[in-house]
Protein backbone atom coordinates (compact mmCIF):
# COMPACT_ATOMS: atom_id res chain seq x y z
CA MET A 1 140.04 -43.02 18.57
CA ASN A 2 143.69 -43.81 18.97
CA VAL A 3 145.19 -40.94 20.98
CA ASN A 4 148.67 -41.98 19.79
CA ASP A 5 147.73 -41.18 16.17
CA ALA A 6 149.09 -37.85 14.92
CA SER A 7 145.83 -36.79 13.23
CA VAL A 8 143.83 -37.52 16.39
CA LEU A 9 146.30 -35.55 18.50
CA GLU A 10 145.99 -32.65 16.08
CA MET A 11 142.18 -32.70 16.38
CA ILE A 12 142.41 -32.84 20.18
CA ASN A 13 144.91 -29.95 20.20
CA ASN A 14 142.60 -27.87 17.99
CA LEU A 15 139.69 -28.63 20.32
CA ILE A 16 141.75 -27.67 23.37
CA ALA A 17 142.89 -24.42 21.76
CA SER A 18 139.49 -23.40 20.42
CA ASP A 19 137.66 -24.09 23.70
CA ARG A 20 140.51 -22.78 25.90
CA LEU A 21 140.36 -25.79 28.21
CA ASN A 22 142.11 -25.96 31.58
CA LYS A 23 144.29 -28.88 32.75
CA ASN A 24 141.43 -30.89 34.23
CA GLN A 25 139.32 -30.45 31.11
CA ILE A 26 142.24 -31.51 28.92
CA LEU A 27 142.65 -34.73 30.90
CA GLN A 28 138.92 -35.39 30.59
CA VAL A 29 139.04 -34.82 26.82
CA VAL A 30 141.93 -37.27 26.43
CA ASN A 31 140.05 -39.88 28.46
CA LEU A 32 136.92 -39.35 26.39
CA ALA A 33 138.90 -39.50 23.15
CA SER A 34 140.03 -43.02 23.92
CA ILE A 35 136.40 -44.22 24.12
CA SER A 36 135.06 -42.11 21.24
CA SER A 37 135.07 -43.37 17.68
CA SER A 38 135.11 -39.97 15.96
CA ILE A 39 135.61 -36.28 16.64
CA LYS A 40 131.83 -35.77 16.42
CA GLU A 41 131.26 -38.43 19.06
CA LEU A 42 134.00 -36.89 21.20
CA LYS A 43 132.29 -33.50 21.08
CA ASP A 44 128.96 -35.14 21.99
CA ASN A 45 130.60 -36.93 24.92
CA ILE A 46 132.15 -33.67 26.10
CA LYS A 47 128.72 -32.03 26.11
CA TRP A 48 127.35 -34.83 28.31
CA GLU A 49 130.26 -34.85 30.72
CA THR A 50 130.47 -32.23 33.43
CA PHE A 51 133.87 -30.70 33.75
CA ARG A 52 134.79 -30.34 37.39
CA SER A 53 137.63 -28.25 38.63
CA LYS A 54 139.42 -28.97 41.92
CA TYR A 55 139.48 -25.27 42.74
């Protein structure tokens, strides 16, 4: 997905808001969005990735 596309950014923002993600998780989602081909695939990738916090 093209993270510079307005509709993709809106989907990512909705995902961030609904899941109440922290800064590290948001960065991970953006990285995963660039390699995902759809929002469904992005959600699947998020489930497989382990979010790690520095603190």
